[in-house]
Amino acid sequence: MSINATLLIQIIAFVLLIWFVNKVLWGPLSKLMEERQKKIADGLSAAEKGKHELELAEQKAKEVLKEAKAQAQNVLSQAEKRGSEIVEDAKVKATEEAERIKASAQAEIEQEVSRAREQLRKEVATIAVSGAEKILGKEVNAAAHNDMLEALVKQI
């Protein structure tokens, strides 16, 4: 065999090998690499999207926490306000009750003073009638001289 025939057979075998590799191996291998590249790109995109969603979730969590703190502070201030209102109401009620008790006691004292004065007037009138009877030496009618006795008692 001549070198030309061997060279021609090798060229044909090489062309067949290139065609076979291109048709059977290179096409599916390229397709597999493209699919793998697409999966990697999708994974990176999903990771970037997840990172963005995580940032949004963290930001929302901070806002919710801030709102919760504000609400807690609001509830706390309302509770303090209500507590001070209750204390003020209790003070007002206690003051009113003290004034009522004081007024009641003052009225009772005035009644006792009036009773004591009335009792004293009666005793002074009795003593005055008794003294007048002793001075005059006869019995004095207290009912007849009641207006004079009352004037005398008022002077005392």
C-alpha atoms as a PDB file:
ATOM      1  CA  MET A   1       0.000   0.000   0.000  1.00  0.00           C
ATOM      2  CA  SER A   2       1.151   3.273  -0.860  1.00  0.00           C
ATOM      3  CA  ILE A   3       1.538   6.209   1.376  1.00  0.00           C
ATOM      4  CA  ASN A   4      -1.170   8.054  -0.496  1.00  0.00           C
ATOM      5  CA  ALA A   5      -3.736   5.339   0.113  1.00  0.00           C
ATOM      6  CA  THR A   6      -2.782   5.147   3.789  1.00  0.00           C
ATOM      7  CA  LEU A   7      -2.971   8.911   4.094  1.00  0.00           C
ATOM      8  CA  LEU A   8      -6.342   8.945   2.339  1.00  0.00           C
ATOM      9  CA  ILE A   9      -7.695   6.180   4.627  1.00  0.00           C
ATOM     10  CA  GLN A  10      -6.419   8.052   7.694  1.00  0.00           C
ATOM     11  CA  ILE A  11      -8.046  11.284   6.485  1.00  0.00           C
ATOM     12  CA  ILE A  12     -11.340   9.453   5.927  1.00  0.00           C
ATOM     13  CA  ALA A  13     -11.034   7.761   9.330  1.00  0.00           C
ATOM     14  CA  PHE A  14     -10.213  11.112  10.945  1.00  0.00           C
ATOM     15  CA  VAL A  15     -13.203  12.801   9.241  1.00  0.00           C
ATOM     16  CA  LEU A  16     -15.437   9.913  10.360  1.00  0.00           C
ATOM     17  CA  LEU A  17     -14.033  10.242  13.882  1.00  0.00           C
ATOM     18  CA  ILE A  18     -14.732  14.004  13.907  1.00  0.00           C
ATOM     19  CA  TRP A  19     -18.231  13.440  12.554  1.00  0.00           C
ATOM     20  CA  PHE A  20     -18.855  10.662  15.138  1.00  0.00           C
ATOM     21  CA  VAL A  21     -17.514  12.754  18.042  1.00  0.00           C
ATOM     22  CA  ASN A  22     -19.501  15.782  16.881  1.00  0.00           C
ATOM     23  CA  LYS A  23     -22.706  13.806  16.377  1.00  0.00           C
ATOM     24  CA  VAL A  24     -22.597  11.328  19.260  1.00  0.00           C
ATOM     25  CA  LEU A  25     -20.383  12.857  21.957  1.00  0.00           C
ATOM     26  CA  TRP A  26     -19.980  16.597  21.416  1.00  0.00           C
ATOM     27  CA  GLY A  27     -23.704  17.443  20.934  1.00  0.00           C
ATOM     28  CA  PRO A  28     -25.014  15.721  24.074  1.00  0.00           C
ATOM     29  CA  LEU A  29     -21.976  16.841  26.051  1.00  0.00           C
ATOM     30  CA  SER A  30     -22.568  20.462  24.991  1.00  0.00           C
ATOM     31  CA  LYS A  31     -26.228  20.087  25.835  1.00  0.00           C
ATOM     32  CA  LEU A  32     -25.355  18.713  29.291  1.00  0.00           C
ATOM     33  CA  MET A  33     -22.924  21.579  29.892  1.00  0.00           C
ATOM     34  CA  GLU A  34     -25.545  24.162  28.853  1.00  0.00           C
ATOM     35  CA  GLU A  35     -28.130  22.572  31.153  1.00  0.00           C
ATOM     36  CA  ARG A  36     -25.619  22.536  33.991  1.00  0.00           C
ATOM     37  CA  GLN A  37     -24.730  26.159  33.281  1.00  0.00           C
ATOM     38  CA  LYS A  38     -28.435  27.046  33.281  1.00  0.00           C
ATOM     39  CA  LYS A  39     -28.959  25.240  36.613  1.00  0.00           C
ATOM     40  CA  ILE A  40     -26.027  27.096  38.141  1.00  0.00           C
ATOM     41  CA  ALA A  41     -27.353  30.417  36.814  1.00  0.00           C
ATOM     42  CA  ASP A  42     -30.838  29.620  38.157  1.00  0.00           C
ATOM     43  CA  GLY A  43     -29.334  28.645  41.512  1.00  0.00           C
ATOM     44  CA  LEU A  44     -27.363  31.887  41.681  1.00  0.00           C
ATOM     45  CA  SER A  45     -30.482  33.833  40.737  1.00  0.00           C
ATOM     46  CA  ALA A  46     -32.505  32.027  43.394  1.00  0.00           C
ATOM     47  CA  ALA A  47     -29.773  32.672  45.961  1.00  0.00           C
ATOM     48  CA  GLU A  48     -29.749  36.377  45.038  1.00  0.00           C
ATOM     49  CA  LYS A  49     -33.543  36.474  45.251  1.00  0.00           C
ATOM     50  CA  GLY A  50     -33.415  34.685  48.626  1.00  0.00           C
ATOM     51  CA  LYS A  51     -30.834  37.160  49.873  1.00  0.00           C
ATOM     52  CA  HIS A  52     -33.025  40.045  48.776  1.00  0.00           C
ATOM     53  CA  GLU A  53     -36.089  38.483  50.427  1.00  0.00           C
ATOM     54  CA  LEU A  54     -34.065  37.919  53.591  1.00  0.00           C
ATOM     55  CA  GLU A  55     -33.098  41.598  53.643  1.00  0.00           C
ATOM     56  CA  LEU A  56     -36.750  42.568  53.152  1.00  0.00           C
ATOM     57  CA  ALA A  57     -37.821  40.173  55.904  1.00  0.00           C
ATOM     58  CA  GLU A  58     -35.188  41.577  58.281  1.00  0.00           C
ATOM     59  CA  GLN A  59     -36.288  45.112  57.478  1.00  0.00           C
ATOM     60  CA  LYS A  60     -39.947  44.173  58.037  1.00  0.00           C
ATOM     61  CA  ALA A  61     -39.034  42.436  61.298  1.00  0.00           C
ATOM     62  CA  LYS A  62     -37.274  45.600  62.460  1.00  0.00           C
ATOM     63  CA  GLU A  63     -40.346  47.665  61.579  1.00  0.00           C
ATOM     64  CA  VAL A  64     -42.659  45.242  63.388  1.00  0.00           C
ATOM     65  CA  LEU A  65     -40.351  45.287  66.411  1.00  0.00           C
ATOM     66  CA  LYS A  66     -40.284  49.083  66.341  1.00  0.00           C
ATOM     67  CA  GLU A  67     -44.100  49.193  66.143  1.00  0.00           C
ATOM     68  CA  ALA A  68     -44.376  46.672  68.976  1.00  0.00           C
ATOM     69  CA  LYS A  69     -42.053  48.768  71.137  1.00  0.00           C
ATOM     70  CA  ALA A  70     -44.085  51.878  70.335  1.00  0.00           C
ATOM     71  CA  GLN A  71     -47.315  50.070  71.205  1.00  0.00           C
ATOM     72  CA  ALA A  72     -45.797  48.745  74.423  1.00  0.00           C
ATOM     73  CA  GLN A  73     -44.654  52.252  75.341  1.00  0.00           C
ATOM     74  CA  ASN A  74     -48.133  53.562  74.522  1.00  0.00           C
ATOM     75  CA  VAL A  75     -49.794  50.895  76.664  1.00  0.00           C
ATOM     76  CA  LEU A  76     -47.334  51.626  79.467  1.00  0.00           C
ATOM     77  CA  SER A  77     -48.009  55.359  79.343  1.00  0.00           C
ATOM     78  CA  GLN A  78     -51.771  54.734  79.273  1.00  0.00           C
ATOM     79  CA  ALA A  79     -51.440  52.436  82.282  1.00  0.00           C
ATOM     80  CA  GLU A  80     -49.415  55.056  84.150  1.00  0.00           C
ATOM     81  CA  LYS A  81     -51.968  57.710  83.218  1.00  0.00           C
ATOM     82  CA  ARG A  82     -54.845  55.498  84.331  1.00  0.00           C
ATOM     83  CA  GLY A  83     -52.991  54.707  87.560  1.00  0.00           C
ATOM     84  CA  SER A  84     -52.494  58.391  88.321  1.00  0.00           C
ATOM     85  CA  GLU A  85     -56.171  59.030  87.473  1.00  0.00           C
ATOM     86  CA  ILE A  86     -57.199  56.298  89.916  1.00  0.00           C
ATOM     87  CA  VAL A  87     -54.940  57.790  92.600  1.00  0.00           C
ATOM     88  CA  GLU A  88     -56.376  61.263  91.962  1.00  0.00           C
ATOM     89  CA  ASP A  89     -59.934  59.887  92.084  1.00  0.00           C
ATOM     90  CA  ALA A  90     -59.149  58.133  95.347  1.00  0.00           C
ATOM     91  CA  LYS A  91     -57.689  61.353  96.761  1.00  0.00           C
ATOM     92  CA  VAL A  92     -60.783  63.325  95.706  1.00  0.00           C
ATOM     93  CA  LYS A  93     -63.099  60.688  97.176  1.00  0.00           C
ATOM     94  CA  ALA A  94     -61.064  60.565 100.388  1.00  0.00           C
ATOM     95  CA  THR A  95     -61.144  64.365 100.636  1.00  0.00           C
ATOM     96  CA  GLU A  96     -64.912  64.386 100.037  1.00  0.00           C
ATOM     97  CA  GLU A  97     -65.401  61.650 102.631  1.00  0.00           C
ATOM     98  CA  ALA A  98     -63.221  63.541 105.119  1.00  0.00           C
ATOM     99  CA  GLU A  99     -65.231  66.719 104.501  1.00  0.00           C
ATOM    100  CA  ARG A 100     -68.475  64.793 104.935  1.00  0.00           C
ATOM    101  CA  ILE A 101     -67.254  63.209 108.177  1.00  0.00           C
ATOM    102  CA  LYS A 102     -65.978  66.573 109.364  1.00  0.00           C
ATOM    103  CA  ALA A 103     -69.315  68.246 108.542  1.00  0.00           C
ATOM    104  CA  SER A 104     -71.182  65.433 110.275  1.00  0.00           C
ATOM    105  CA  ALA A 105     -68.963  65.729 113.350  1.00  0.00           C
ATOM    106  CA  GLN A 106     -69.327  69.530 113.338  1.00  0.00           C
ATOM    107  CA  ALA A 107     -73.131  69.193 113.143  1.00  0.00           C
ATOM    108  CA  GLU A 108     -73.069  66.685 115.984  1.00  0.00           C
ATOM    109  CA  ILE A 109     -70.885  69.002 118.067  1.00  0.00           C
ATOM    110  CA  GLU A 110     -73.239  71.891 117.375  1.00  0.00           C
ATOM    111  CA  GLN A 111     -76.203  69.747 118.406  1.00  0.00           C
ATOM    112  CA  GLU A 112     -74.417  68.752 121.612  1.00  0.00           C
ATOM    113  CA  VAL A 113     -73.541  72.393 122.303  1.00  0.00           C
ATOM    114  CA  SER A 114     -77.174  73.376 121.681  1.00  0.00           C
ATOM    115  CA  ARG A 115     -78.394  70.603 123.972  1.00  0.00           C
ATOM    116  CA  ALA A 116     -75.869  71.612 126.622  1.00  0.00           C
ATOM    117  CA  ARG A 117     -76.905  75.288 126.340  1.00  0.00           C
ATOM    118  CA  GLU A 118     -80.549  74.370 126.518  1.00  0.00           C
ATOM    119  CA  GLN A 119     -79.882  72.180 129.535  1.00  0.00           C
ATOM    120  CA  LEU A 120     -77.817  74.968 131.076  1.00  0.00           C
ATOM    121  CA  ARG A 121     -80.611  77.468 130.411  1.00  0.00           C
ATOM    122  CA  LYS A 122     -83.099  75.218 132.094  1.00  0.00           C
ATOM    123  CA  GLU A 123     -80.777  74.773 135.068  1.00  0.00           C
ATOM    124  CA  VAL A 124     -80.057  78.528 135.233  1.00  0.00           C
ATOM    125  CA  ALA A 125     -83.787  79.205 135.039  1.00  0.00           C
ATOM    126  CA  THR A 126     -84.412  76.710 137.811  1.00  0.00           C
ATOM    127  CA  ILE A 127     -81.609  78.221 139.902  1.00  0.00           C
ATOM    128  CA  ALA A 128     -82.874  81.740 139.185  1.00  0.00           C
ATOM    129  CA  VAL A 129     -86.425  80.806 140.220  1.00  0.00           C
ATOM    130  CA  SER A 130     -85.085  79.072 143.296  1.00  0.00           C
ATOM    131  CA  GLY A 131     -82.925  82.100 144.129  1.00  0.00           C
ATOM    132  CA  ALA A 132     -85.829  84.466 143.561  1.00  0.00           C
ATOM    133  CA  GLU A 133     -88.031  82.326 145.797  1.00  0.00           C
ATOM    134  CA  LYS A 134     -85.441  82.456 148.535  1.00  0.00           C
ATOM    135  CA  ILE A 135     -85.008  86.204 148.136  1.00  0.00           C
ATOM    136  CA  LEU A 136     -88.705  86.884 147.967  1.00  0.00           C
ATOM    137  CA  GLY A 137     -89.609  84.282 150.471  1.00  0.00           C
ATOM    138  CA  LYS A 138     -92.490  82.977 148.449  1.00  0.00           C
ATOM    139  CA  GLU A 139     -93.064  80.682 145.521  1.00  0.00           C
ATOM    140  CA  VAL A 140     -92.507  82.171 142.038  1.00  0.00           C
ATOM    141  CA  ASN A 141     -94.507  80.894 139.090  1.00  0.00           C
ATOM    142  CA  ALA A 142     -91.868  80.003 136.447  1.00  0.00           C
ATOM    143  CA  ALA A 143     -94.435  79.765 133.664  1.00  0.00           C
ATOM    144  CA  ALA A 144     -95.649  83.306 134.261  1.00  0.00           C
ATOM    145  CA  HIS A 145     -92.177  84.791 134.174  1.00  0.00           C
ATOM    146  CA  ASN A 146     -90.790  82.605 131.397  1.00  0.00           C
ATOM    147  CA  ASP A 147     -89.984  85.527 129.052  1.00  0.00           C
ATOM    148  CA  MET A 148     -87.944  87.267 131.758  1.00  0.00           C
ATOM    149  CA  LEU A 149     -86.078  84.048 132.487  1.00  0.00           C
ATOM    150  CA  GLU A 150     -85.228  83.538 128.835  1.00  0.00           C
ATOM    151  CA  ALA A 151     -83.888  87.102 128.594  1.00  0.00           C
ATOM    152  CA  LEU A 152     -81.807  86.482 131.709  1.00  0.00           C
ATOM    153  CA  VAL A 153     -80.426  83.229 130.338  1.00  0.00           C
ATOM    154  CA  LYS A 154     -79.538  84.855 127.004  1.00  0.00           C
ATOM    155  CA  GLN A 155     -77.515  87.468 128.843  1.00  0.00           C
ATOM    156  CA  ILE A 156     -75.450  84.774 130.474  1.00  0.00           C
END
